[in-house]
Amino acid sequence: MDILNAYFKDSVHHLPGVYTILNSDFRRAPSEKSSLFDTTAELKNHTKIVHFSCKPNGEYGKPWDWPTHDLSLIEDK
């Protein structure tokens, strides 16, 4: 990625880190401090794009690869 950033540095703009985060950042409690905001809930309110890198059980994988029964593990908080 660093090579692409260097190559396109004069023709593209970088999004701040808050725009795109990993879904694992939401594994913390809503009141717990995130790396970018005071709470995970505040991070959720400011995020524009979520990169799915792990399942609810912590294993790596994309949500479209999860068996249907795994979707019951997802809680909307």
C-alpha atoms as a PDB file:
ATOM      1  CA  MET A   1       0.000   0.000   0.000  1.00  0.00           C
ATOM      2  CA  ASP A   2       2.849   2.392   0.770  1.00  0.00           C
ATOM      3  CA  ILE A   3       4.162   1.950  -2.773  1.00  0.00           C
ATOM      4  CA  LEU A   4       0.752   2.880  -4.220  1.00  0.00           C
ATOM      5  CA  ASN A   5       0.473   5.864  -1.887  1.00  0.00           C
ATOM      6  CA  ALA A   6       3.893   7.103  -2.995  1.00  0.00           C
ATOM      7  CA  TYR A   7       3.127   6.541  -6.688  1.00  0.00           C
ATOM      8  CA  PHE A   8      -0.229   8.348  -6.610  1.00  0.00           C
ATOM      9  CA  LYS A   9       0.693  11.019  -4.034  1.00  0.00           C
ATOM     10  CA  ASP A  10       0.249  13.906  -6.489  1.00  0.00           C
ATOM     11  CA  SER A  11      -3.022  12.707  -8.020  1.00  0.00           C
ATOM     12  CA  VAL A  12      -5.115  11.413  -5.112  1.00  0.00           C
ATOM     13  CA  HIS A  13      -6.048  12.528  -1.631  1.00  0.00           C
ATOM     14  CA  HIS A  14      -5.864  10.318   1.429  1.00  0.00           C
ATOM     15  CA  LEU A  15      -8.874   9.818   3.644  1.00  0.00           C
ATOM     16  CA  PRO A  16      -8.274  10.389   7.344  1.00  0.00           C
ATOM     17  CA  GLY A  17      -8.080   7.192   9.379  1.00  0.00           C
ATOM     18  CA  VAL A  18     -11.496   7.782  10.920  1.00  0.00           C
ATOM     19  CA  TYR A  19     -13.260   7.216   7.588  1.00  0.00           C
ATOM     20  CA  THR A  20     -12.178   3.605   7.230  1.00  0.00           C
ATOM     21  CA  ILE A  21     -11.721   1.290  10.194  1.00  0.00           C
ATOM     22  CA  LEU A  22     -11.628  -2.447  10.829  1.00  0.00           C
ATOM     23  CA  ASN A  23     -14.756  -4.115  12.155  1.00  0.00           C
ATOM     24  CA  SER A  24     -12.621  -5.499  14.992  1.00  0.00           C
ATOM     25  CA  ASP A  25     -12.516  -1.930  16.385  1.00  0.00           C
ATOM     26  CA  PHE A  26     -16.148  -2.460  17.398  1.00  0.00           C
ATOM     27  CA  ARG A  27     -15.352  -5.503  19.552  1.00  0.00           C
ATOM     28  CA  ARG A  28     -14.779  -3.155  22.495  1.00  0.00           C
ATOM     29  CA  ALA A  29     -17.534  -2.042  24.876  1.00  0.00           C
ATOM     30  CA  PRO A  30     -19.361   1.129  23.671  1.00  0.00           C
ATOM     31  CA  SER A  31     -17.959   3.108  26.618  1.00  0.00           C
ATOM     32  CA  GLU A  32     -14.371   1.889  26.121  1.00  0.00           C
ATOM     33  CA  LYS A  33     -11.832   4.289  24.594  1.00  0.00           C
ATOM     34  CA  SER A  34     -11.054   3.743  20.922  1.00  0.00           C
ATOM     35  CA  SER A  35      -7.804   4.627  19.178  1.00  0.00           C
ATOM     36  CA  LEU A  36      -9.368   7.708  17.546  1.00  0.00           C
ATOM     37  CA  PHE A  37     -12.176   8.812  19.892  1.00  0.00           C
ATOM     38  CA  ASP A  38     -13.048   8.887  23.575  1.00  0.00           C
ATOM     39  CA  THR A  39     -15.484   5.975  23.221  1.00  0.00           C
ATOM     40  CA  THR A  40     -16.257   3.186  20.779  1.00  0.00           C
ATOM     41  CA  ALA A  41     -19.795   4.599  20.476  1.00  0.00           C
ATOM     42  CA  GLU A  42     -18.349   7.922  19.282  1.00  0.00           C
ATOM     43  CA  LEU A  43     -16.159   6.056  16.787  1.00  0.00           C
ATOM     44  CA  LYS A  44     -19.265   4.296  15.436  1.00  0.00           C
ATOM     45  CA  ASN A  45     -21.012   7.642  14.912  1.00  0.00           C
ATOM     46  CA  HIS A  46     -18.112   9.085  12.881  1.00  0.00           C
ATOM     47  CA  THR A  47     -17.105   6.081  10.767  1.00  0.00           C
ATOM     48  CA  LYS A  48     -18.007   6.105   7.075  1.00  0.00           C
ATOM     49  CA  ILE A  49     -16.500   2.794   5.845  1.00  0.00           C
ATOM     50  CA  VAL A  50     -16.001  -0.463   7.749  1.00  0.00           C
ATOM     51  CA  HIS A  51     -13.449  -2.961   6.430  1.00  0.00           C
ATOM     52  CA  PHE A  52     -14.620  -6.420   7.470  1.00  0.00           C
ATOM     53  CA  SER A  53     -11.611  -8.423   8.585  1.00  0.00           C
ATOM     54  CA  CYS A  54     -12.900 -10.698  11.344  1.00  0.00           C
ATOM     55  CA  LYS A  55     -15.915 -12.694  12.429  1.00  0.00           C
ATOM     56  CA  PRO A  56     -17.732 -12.074  15.740  1.00  0.00           C
ATOM     57  CA  ASN A  57     -15.730 -14.937  17.294  1.00  0.00           C
ATOM     58  CA  GLY A  58     -12.413 -13.236  16.423  1.00  0.00           C
ATOM     59  CA  GLU A  59     -11.443 -15.459  13.493  1.00  0.00           C
ATOM     60  CA  TYR A  60     -10.613 -13.771  10.211  1.00  0.00           C
ATOM     61  CA  GLY A  61     -13.152 -13.862   7.426  1.00  0.00           C
ATOM     62  CA  LYS A  62     -15.614 -11.794   5.435  1.00  0.00           C
ATOM     63  CA  PRO A  63     -19.288 -11.614   6.463  1.00  0.00           C
ATOM     64  CA  TRP A  64     -20.450 -13.008   3.128  1.00  0.00           C
ATOM     65  CA  ASP A  65     -18.448 -16.177   3.879  1.00  0.00           C
ATOM     66  CA  TRP A  66     -20.171 -16.827   7.233  1.00  0.00           C
ATOM     67  CA  PRO A  67     -22.584 -19.727   7.524  1.00  0.00           C
ATOM     68  CA  THR A  68     -26.133 -18.515   8.182  1.00  0.00           C
ATOM     69  CA  HIS A  69     -26.104 -19.742  11.790  1.00  0.00           C
ATOM     70  CA  ASP A  70     -23.081 -17.479  12.528  1.00  0.00           C
ATOM     71  CA  LEU A  71     -25.120 -14.374  11.709  1.00  0.00           C
ATOM     72  CA  SER A  72     -27.091 -14.902  14.915  1.00  0.00           C
ATOM     73  CA  LEU A  73     -23.929 -13.927  16.837  1.00  0.00           C
ATOM     74  CA  ILE A  74     -24.086 -10.354  15.561  1.00  0.00           C
ATOM     75  CA  GLU A  75     -25.621  -7.878  17.956  1.00  0.00           C
ATOM     76  CA  ASP A  76     -26.564  -4.332  16.969  1.00  0.00           C
ATOM     77  CA  LYS A  77     -25.296  -2.162  19.808  1.00  0.00           C
END
